Amino acid sequence: MGHGKTYFLRGIVTYLVSPFYLKADMISMHGVFNTVRRVREEALYVGAPLGTGYLIYYLVERRHEKLKRKNPKDYIHDQ
């Protein structure tokens, strides 16, 4: 209430909607496209460090699993 122009007609209050409020769907669509544009622009700045970090984590985990195993050659003479 209170938006737009008001006038009285036989005791009835009528409100007119501003043209800016009629474009709400276009404004929301602009917001979606703007969000997509911003994410696309920042993808390399965020994705490169995340990808590098994941690659390091993956390689370290593989190396850890390899080092965790016992060497069978160390136990040849135990029997």
PDB file of N, CA and C in Angstrom:
ATOM      1  N   MET A   1       0.832  -1.171   0.000  1.00  0.00           N
ATOM      2  CA  MET A   1       0.000   0.000   0.000  1.00  0.00           C
ATOM      3  C   MET A   1       0.879   1.238   0.000  1.00  0.00           C
ATOM      4  N   GLY A   2       0.339   2.274  -0.562  1.00  0.00           N
ATOM      5  CA  GLY A   2       1.089   3.508  -0.607  1.00  0.00           C
ATOM      6  C   GLY A   2       1.930   3.653  -1.859  1.00  0.00           C
ATOM      7  N   HIS A   3       1.978   2.617  -2.697  1.00  0.00           N
ATOM      8  CA  HIS A   3       2.746   2.712  -3.932  1.00  0.00           C
ATOM      9  C   HIS A   3       1.836   3.234  -5.035  1.00  0.00           C
ATOM     10  N   GLY A   4       2.362   4.060  -5.858  1.00  0.00           N
ATOM     11  CA  GLY A   4       1.573   4.572  -6.980  1.00  0.00           C
ATOM     12  C   GLY A   4       0.643   5.696  -6.554  1.00  0.00           C
ATOM     13  N   LYS A   5      -0.229   6.093  -7.455  1.00  0.00           N
ATOM     14  CA  LYS A   5      -1.159   7.191  -7.198  1.00  0.00           C
ATOM     15  C   LYS A   5      -2.456   6.629  -6.630  1.00  0.00           C
ATOM     16  N   THR A   6      -3.018   7.335  -5.693  1.00  0.00           N
ATOM     17  CA  THR A   6      -4.296   6.907  -5.115  1.00  0.00           C
ATOM     18  C   THR A   6      -5.344   7.967  -5.410  1.00  0.00           C
ATOM     19  N   TYR A   7      -6.583   7.536  -5.522  1.00  0.00           N
ATOM     20  CA  TYR A   7      -7.684   8.474  -5.674  1.00  0.00           C
ATOM     21  C   TYR A   7      -8.936   7.815  -5.104  1.00  0.00           C
ATOM     22  N   PHE A   8      -9.901   8.633  -4.755  1.00  0.00           N
ATOM     23  CA  PHE A   8     -11.146   8.136  -4.164  1.00  0.00           C
ATOM     24  C   PHE A   8     -12.236   8.132  -5.222  1.00  0.00           C
ATOM     25  N   LEU A   9     -13.005   7.075  -5.257  1.00  0.00           N
ATOM     26  CA  LEU A   9     -14.138   6.972  -6.157  1.00  0.00           C
ATOM     27  C   LEU A   9     -15.299   6.408  -5.351  1.00  0.00           C
ATOM     28  N   ARG A  10     -16.213   7.282  -4.966  1.00  0.00           N
ATOM     29  CA  ARG A  10     -17.382   6.895  -4.174  1.00  0.00           C
ATOM     30  C   ARG A  10     -17.008   6.108  -2.922  1.00  0.00           C
ATOM     31  N   GLY A  11     -15.992   6.572  -2.244  1.00  0.00           N
ATOM     32  CA  GLY A  11     -15.610   5.934  -0.989  1.00  0.00           C
ATOM     33  C   GLY A  11     -14.730   4.710  -1.141  1.00  0.00           C
ATOM     34  N   ILE A  12     -14.309   4.379  -2.363  1.00  0.00           N
ATOM     35  CA  ILE A  12     -13.441   3.221  -2.598  1.00  0.00           C
ATOM     36  C   ILE A  12     -12.048   3.745  -2.927  1.00  0.00           C
ATOM     37  N   VAL A  13     -11.056   3.205  -2.241  1.00  0.00           N
ATOM     38  CA  VAL A  13      -9.675   3.602  -2.498  1.00  0.00           C
ATOM     39  C   VAL A  13      -9.098   2.656  -3.543  1.00  0.00           C
ATOM     40  N   THR A  14      -8.558   3.212  -4.607  1.00  0.00           N
ATOM     41  CA  THR A  14      -7.963   2.424  -5.681  1.00  0.00           C
ATOM     42  C   THR A  14      -6.493   2.810  -5.803  1.00  0.00           C
ATOM     43  N   TYR A  15      -5.650   1.809  -5.987  1.00  0.00           N
ATOM     44  CA  TYR A  15      -4.223   2.042  -6.125  1.00  0.00           C
ATOM     45  C   TYR A  15      -3.794   1.699  -7.541  1.00  0.00           C
ATOM     46  N   LEU A  16      -2.963   2.520  -8.110  1.00  0.00           N
ATOM     47  CA  LEU A  16      -2.378   2.231  -9.412  1.00  0.00           C
ATOM     48  C   LEU A  16      -0.972   1.691  -9.184  1.00  0.00           C
ATOM     49  N   VAL A  17      -0.601   0.696  -9.948  1.00  0.00           N
ATOM     50  CA  VAL A  17       0.701   0.076  -9.787  1.00  0.00           C
ATOM     51  C   VAL A  17       1.709   0.799 -10.672  1.00  0.00           C
ATOM     52  N   SER A  18       2.856   1.067 -10.096  1.00  0.00           N
ATOM     53  CA  SER A  18       3.932   1.718 -10.830  1.00  0.00           C
ATOM     54  C   SER A  18       4.417   0.800 -11.950  1.00  0.00           C
ATOM     55  N   PRO A  19       4.844   1.349 -13.086  1.00  0.00           N
ATOM     56  CA  PRO A  19       5.361   0.504 -14.166  1.00  0.00           C
ATOM     57  C   PRO A  19       6.598  -0.292 -13.751  1.00  0.00           C
ATOM     58  N   PHE A  20       7.323   0.186 -12.741  1.00  0.00           N
ATOM     59  CA  PHE A  20       8.503  -0.538 -12.280  1.00  0.00           C
ATOM     60  C   PHE A  20       8.112  -1.846 -11.602  1.00  0.00           C
ATOM     61  N   TYR A  21       6.962  -1.883 -10.978  1.00  0.00           N
ATOM     62  CA  TYR A  21       6.504  -3.099 -10.331  1.00  0.00           C
ATOM     63  C   TYR A  21       5.978  -4.100 -11.349  1.00  0.00           C
ATOM     64  N   LEU A  22       5.570  -3.650 -12.507  1.00  0.00           N
ATOM     65  CA  LEU A  22       5.085  -4.552 -13.542  1.00  0.00           C
ATOM     66  C   LEU A  22       6.231  -5.302 -14.215  1.00  0.00           C
ATOM     67  N   LYS A  23       7.441  -4.790 -14.082  1.00  0.00           N
ATOM     68  CA  LYS A  23       8.597  -5.409 -14.718  1.00  0.00           C
ATOM     69  C   LYS A  23       9.351  -6.329 -13.753  1.00  0.00           C
ATOM     70  N   ALA A  24       8.688  -6.801 -12.727  1.00  0.00           N
ATOM     71  CA  ALA A  24       9.367  -7.621 -11.722  1.00  0.00           C
ATOM     72  C   ALA A  24       9.922  -8.907 -12.325  1.00  0.00           C
ATOM     73  N   ASP A  25       9.194  -9.511 -13.268  1.00  0.00           N
ATOM     74  CA  ASP A  25       9.692 -10.743 -13.868  1.00  0.00           C
ATOM     75  C   ASP A  25      10.939 -10.487 -14.706  1.00  0.00           C
ATOM     76  N   MET A  26      10.994  -9.361 -15.385  1.00  0.00           N
ATOM     77  CA  MET A  26      12.188  -9.035 -16.169  1.00  0.00           C
ATOM     78  C   MET A  26      13.371  -8.740 -15.253  1.00  0.00           C
ATOM     79  N   ILE A  27      13.098  -8.092 -14.137  1.00  0.00           N
ATOM     80  CA  ILE A  27      14.173  -7.788 -13.196  1.00  0.00           C
ATOM     81  C   ILE A  27      14.717  -9.081 -12.604  1.00  0.00           C
ATOM     82  N   SER A  28      13.826 -10.016 -12.275  1.00  0.00           N
ATOM     83  CA  SER A  28      14.295 -11.280 -11.709  1.00  0.00           C
ATOM     84  C   SER A  28      15.079 -12.079 -12.752  1.00  0.00           C
ATOM     85  N   MET A  29      14.663 -12.061 -14.004  1.00  0.00           N
ATOM     86  CA  MET A  29      15.407 -12.764 -15.047  1.00  0.00           C
ATOM     87  C   MET A  29      16.772 -12.117 -15.258  1.00  0.00           C
ATOM     88  N   HIS A  30      16.830 -10.800 -15.157  1.00  0.00           N
ATOM     89  CA  HIS A  30      18.115 -10.114 -15.264  1.00  0.00           C
ATOM     90  C   HIS A  30      19.033 -10.568 -14.133  1.00  0.00           C
ATOM     91  N   GLY A  31      18.463 -10.767 -12.951  1.00  0.00           N
ATOM     92  CA  GLY A  31      19.254 -11.246 -11.821  1.00  0.00           C
ATOM     93  C   GLY A  31      19.827 -12.627 -12.070  1.00  0.00           C
ATOM     94  N   VAL A  32      19.050 -13.494 -12.698  1.00  0.00           N
ATOM     95  CA  VAL A  32      19.531 -14.845 -12.999  1.00  0.00           C
ATOM     96  C   VAL A  32      20.670 -14.782 -14.009  1.00  0.00           C
ATOM     97  N   PHE A  33      20.492 -14.018 -15.070  1.00  0.00           N
ATOM     98  CA  PHE A  33      21.540 -13.904 -16.086  1.00  0.00           C
ATOM     99  C   PHE A  33      22.791 -13.239 -15.512  1.00  0.00           C
ATOM    100  N   ASN A  34      22.597 -12.261 -14.639  1.00  0.00           N
ATOM    101  CA  ASN A  34      23.729 -11.588 -14.024  1.00  0.00           C
ATOM    102  C   ASN A  34      24.497 -12.557 -13.123  1.00  0.00           C
ATOM    103  N   THR A  35      23.786 -13.415 -12.411  1.00  0.00           N
ATOM    104  CA  THR A  35      24.439 -14.405 -11.560  1.00  0.00           C
ATOM    105  C   THR A  35      25.244 -15.386 -12.400  1.00  0.00           C
ATOM    106  N   VAL A  36      24.683 -15.835 -13.508  1.00  0.00           N
ATOM    107  CA  VAL A  36      25.399 -16.758 -14.395  1.00  0.00           C
ATOM    108  C   VAL A  36      26.656 -16.088 -14.937  1.00  0.00           C
ATOM    109  N   ARG A  37      26.551 -14.840 -15.320  1.00  0.00           N
ATOM    110  CA  ARG A  37      27.714 -14.112 -15.838  1.00  0.00           C
ATOM    111  C   ARG A  37      28.800 -13.990 -14.774  1.00  0.00           C
ATOM    112  N   ARG A  38      28.410 -13.663 -13.556  1.00  0.00           N
ATOM    113  CA  ARG A  38      29.396 -13.506 -12.484  1.00  0.00           C
ATOM    114  C   ARG A  38      30.080 -14.826 -12.150  1.00  0.00           C
ATOM    115  N   VAL A  39      29.319 -15.902 -12.120  1.00  0.00           N
ATOM    116  CA  VAL A  39      29.908 -17.209 -11.823  1.00  0.00           C
ATOM    117  C   VAL A  39      30.887 -17.601 -12.918  1.00  0.00           C
ATOM    118  N   ARG A  40      30.513 -17.352 -14.175  1.00  0.00           N
ATOM    119  CA  ARG A  40      31.399 -17.669 -15.293  1.00  0.00           C
ATOM    120  C   ARG A  40      32.697 -16.865 -15.219  1.00  0.00           C
ATOM    121  N   GLU A  41      32.597 -15.598 -14.831  1.00  0.00           N
ATOM    122  CA  GLU A  41      33.791 -14.764 -14.748  1.00  0.00           C
ATOM    123  C   GLU A  41      34.721 -15.213 -13.625  1.00  0.00           C
ATOM    124  N   GLU A  42      34.180 -15.720 -12.532  1.00  0.00           N
ATOM    125  CA  GLU A  42      34.992 -16.100 -11.382  1.00  0.00           C
ATOM    126  C   GLU A  42      35.396 -17.570 -11.397  1.00  0.00           C
ATOM    127  N   ALA A  43      34.931 -18.340 -12.363  1.00  0.00           N
ATOM    128  CA  ALA A  43      35.163 -19.789 -12.362  1.00  0.00           C
ATOM    129  C   ALA A  43      36.652 -20.130 -12.392  1.00  0.00           C
ATOM    130  N   LEU A  44      37.435 -19.444 -13.191  1.00  0.00           N
ATOM    131  CA  LEU A  44      38.865 -19.752 -13.260  1.00  0.00           C
ATOM    132  C   LEU A  44      39.591 -19.365 -11.981  1.00  0.00           C
ATOM    133  N   TYR A  45      39.195 -18.255 -11.379  1.00  0.00           N
ATOM    134  CA  TYR A  45      39.854 -17.810 -10.156  1.00  0.00           C
ATOM    135  C   TYR A  45      39.573 -18.757  -8.992  1.00  0.00           C
ATOM    136  N   VAL A  46      38.416 -19.372  -8.986  1.00  0.00           N
ATOM    137  CA  VAL A  46      38.056 -20.292  -7.912  1.00  0.00           C
ATOM    138  C   VAL A  46      38.378 -21.726  -8.308  1.00  0.00           C
ATOM    139  N   GLY A  47      38.122 -22.081  -9.547  1.00  0.00           N
ATOM    140  CA  GLY A  47      38.286 -23.461  -9.994  1.00  0.00           C
ATOM    141  C   GLY A  47      39.732 -23.922 -10.062  1.00  0.00           C
ATOM    142  N   ALA A  48      40.635 -23.053 -10.465  1.00  0.00           N
ATOM    143  CA  ALA A  48      42.040 -23.451 -10.590  1.00  0.00           C
ATOM    144  C   ALA A  48      42.641 -23.849  -9.240  1.00  0.00           C
ATOM    145  N   PRO A  49      42.501 -23.039  -8.186  1.00  0.00           N
ATOM    146  CA  PRO A  49      43.034 -23.477  -6.889  1.00  0.00           C
ATOM    147  C   PRO A  49      42.327 -24.717  -6.338  1.00  0.00           C
ATOM    148  N   LEU A  50      41.022 -24.809  -6.548  1.00  0.00           N
ATOM    149  CA  LEU A  50      40.302 -25.992  -6.071  1.00  0.00           C
ATOM    150  C   LEU A  50      40.756 -27.241  -6.816  1.00  0.00           C
ATOM    151  N   GLY A  51      40.924 -27.128  -8.123  1.00  0.00           N
ATOM    152  CA  GLY A  51      41.402 -28.268  -8.906  1.00  0.00           C
ATOM    153  C   GLY A  51      42.812 -28.673  -8.512  1.00  0.00           C
ATOM    154  N   THR A  52      43.679 -27.695  -8.300  1.00  0.00           N
ATOM    155  CA  THR A  52      45.048 -27.982  -7.877  1.00  0.00           C
ATOM    156  C   THR A  52      45.059 -28.650  -6.508  1.00  0.00           C
ATOM    157  N   GLY A  53      44.257 -28.130  -5.599  1.00  0.00           N
ATOM    158  CA  GLY A  53      44.172 -28.719  -4.264  1.00  0.00           C
ATOM    159  C   GLY A  53      43.659 -30.141  -4.301  1.00  0.00           C
ATOM    160  N   TYR A  54      42.651 -30.392  -5.117  1.00  0.00           N
ATOM    161  CA  TYR A  54      42.118 -31.752  -5.234  1.00  0.00           C
ATOM    162  C   TYR A  54      43.149 -32.694  -5.841  1.00  0.00           C
ATOM    163  N   LEU A  55      43.883 -32.226  -6.845  1.00  0.00           N
ATOM    164  CA  LEU A  55      44.912 -33.057  -7.467  1.00  0.00           C
ATOM    165  C   LEU A  55      45.993 -33.425  -6.456  1.00  0.00           C
ATOM    166  N   ILE A  56      46.437 -32.458  -5.667  1.00  0.00           N
ATOM    167  CA  ILE A  56      47.446 -32.732  -4.639  1.00  0.00           C
ATOM    168  C   ILE A  56      46.906 -33.732  -3.623  1.00  0.00           C
ATOM    169  N   TYR A  57      45.669 -33.528  -3.183  1.00  0.00           N
ATOM    170  CA  TYR A  57      45.051 -34.443  -2.217  1.00  0.00           C
ATOM    171  C   TYR A  57      44.977 -35.857  -2.783  1.00  0.00           C
ATOM    172  N   TYR A  58      44.561 -35.981  -4.023  1.00  0.00           N
ATOM    173  CA  TYR A  58      44.433 -37.293  -4.663  1.00  0.00           C
ATOM    174  C   TYR A  58      45.789 -37.990  -4.757  1.00  0.00           C
ATOM    175  N   LEU A  59      46.816 -37.259  -5.193  1.00  0.00           N
ATOM    176  CA  LEU A  59      48.137 -37.859  -5.334  1.00  0.00           C
ATOM    177  C   LEU A  59      48.726 -38.254  -3.986  1.00  0.00           C
ATOM    178  N   VAL A  60      48.516 -37.435  -2.971  1.00  0.00           N
ATOM    179  CA  VAL A  60      49.027 -37.754  -1.636  1.00  0.00           C
ATOM    180  C   VAL A  60      48.316 -38.982  -1.073  1.00  0.00           C
ATOM    181  N   GLU A  61      47.011 -39.087  -1.276  1.00  0.00           N
ATOM    182  CA  GLU A  61      46.273 -40.258  -0.801  1.00  0.00           C
ATOM    183  C   GLU A  61      46.756 -41.532  -1.497  1.00  0.00           C
ATOM    184  N   ARG A  62      46.994 -41.455  -2.796  1.00  0.00           N
ATOM    185  CA  ARG A  62      47.509 -42.627  -3.514  1.00  0.00           C
ATOM    186  C   ARG A  62      48.882 -43.025  -2.994  1.00  0.00           C
ATOM    187  N   ARG A  63      49.729 -42.039  -2.768  1.00  0.00           N
ATOM    188  CA  ARG A  63      51.079 -42.308  -2.253  1.00  0.00           C
ATOM    189  C   ARG A  63      51.010 -42.910  -0.852  1.00  0.00           C
ATOM    190  N   HIS A  64      50.109 -42.416  -0.036  1.00  0.00           N
ATOM    191  CA  HIS A  64      49.954 -42.927   1.327  1.00  0.00           C
ATOM    192  C   HIS A  64      49.504 -44.389   1.314  1.00  0.00           C
ATOM    193  N   GLU A  65      48.546 -44.718   0.456  1.00  0.00           N
ATOM    194  CA  GLU A  65      48.088 -46.107   0.349  1.00  0.00           C
ATOM    195  C   GLU A  65      49.221 -47.021  -0.117  1.00  0.00           C
ATOM    196  N   LYS A  66      50.045 -46.521  -1.013  1.00  0.00           N
ATOM    197  CA  LYS A  66      51.164 -47.322  -1.511  1.00  0.00           C
ATOM    198  C   LYS A  66      52.200 -47.548  -0.411  1.00  0.00           C
ATOM    199  N   LEU A  67      52.489 -46.520   0.381  1.00  0.00           N
ATOM    200  CA  LEU A  67      53.483 -46.647   1.441  1.00  0.00           C
ATOM    201  C   LEU A  67      52.955 -47.434   2.639  1.00  0.00           C
ATOM    202  N   LYS A  68      51.665 -47.518   2.779  1.00  0.00           N
ATOM    203  CA  LYS A  68      51.060 -48.210   3.910  1.00  0.00           C
ATOM    204  C   LYS A  68      51.177 -49.731   3.778  1.00  0.00           C
ATOM    205  N   ARG A  69      51.308 -50.218   2.576  1.00  0.00           N
ATOM    206  CA  ARG A  69      51.414 -51.666   2.351  1.00  0.00           C
ATOM    207  C   ARG A  69      52.779 -52.178   2.789  1.00  0.00           C
ATOM    208  N   LYS A  70      52.783 -53.398   3.257  1.00  0.00           N
ATOM    209  CA  LYS A  70      54.046 -54.032   3.629  1.00  0.00           C
ATOM    210  C   LYS A  70      54.750 -54.522   2.364  1.00  0.00           C
ATOM    211  N   ASN A  71      56.059 -54.506   2.422  1.00  0.00           N
ATOM    212  CA  ASN A  71      56.853 -54.994   1.301  1.00  0.00           C
ATOM    213  C   ASN A  71      57.004 -56.508   1.447  1.00  0.00           C
ATOM    214  N   PRO A  72      56.483 -57.296   0.521  1.00  0.00           N
ATOM    215  CA  PRO A  72      56.576 -58.761   0.650  1.00  0.00           C
ATOM    216  C   PRO A  72      58.013 -59.280   0.651  1.00  0.00           C
ATOM    217  N   LYS A  73      58.933 -58.569   0.048  1.00  0.00           N
ATOM    218  CA  LYS A  73      60.330 -59.011  -0.001  1.00  0.00           C
ATOM    219  C   LYS A  73      60.978 -58.994   1.383  1.00  0.00           C
ATOM    220  N   ASP A  74      60.452 -58.187   2.294  1.00  0.00           N
ATOM    221  CA  ASP A  74      61.010 -58.131   3.644  1.00  0.00           C
ATOM    222  C   ASP A  74      60.675 -59.382   4.452  1.00  0.00           C
ATOM    223  N   TYR A  75      59.712 -60.168   4.038  1.00  0.00           N
ATOM    224  CA  TYR A  75      59.232 -61.305   4.824  1.00  0.00           C
ATOM    225  C   TYR A  75      59.460 -62.648   4.129  1.00  0.00           C
ATOM    226  N   ILE A  76      60.385 -62.719   3.205  1.00  0.00           N
ATOM    227  CA  ILE A  76      60.657 -63.962   2.478  1.00  0.00           C
ATOM    228  C   ILE A  76      61.230 -65.029   3.416  1.00  0.00           C
ATOM    229  N   HIS A  77      62.116 -64.665   4.312  1.00  0.00           N
ATOM    230  CA  HIS A  77      62.837 -65.632   5.142  1.00  0.00           C
ATOM    231  C   HIS A  77      62.151 -65.880   6.480  1.00  0.00           C
ATOM    232  N   ASP A  78      60.972 -65.390   6.712  1.00  0.00           N
ATOM    233  CA  ASP A  78      60.308 -65.548   8.004  1.00  0.00           C
ATOM    234  C   ASP A  78      59.677 -66.917   8.190  1.00  0.00           C
ATOM    235  N   GLN A  79      59.504 -67.690   7.191  1.00  0.00           N
ATOM    236  CA  GLN A  79      58.827 -68.978   7.351  1.00  0.00           C
ATOM    237  C   GLN A  79      59.793 -70.017   7.645  1.00  0.00           C
TER     238      GLN A  79
END
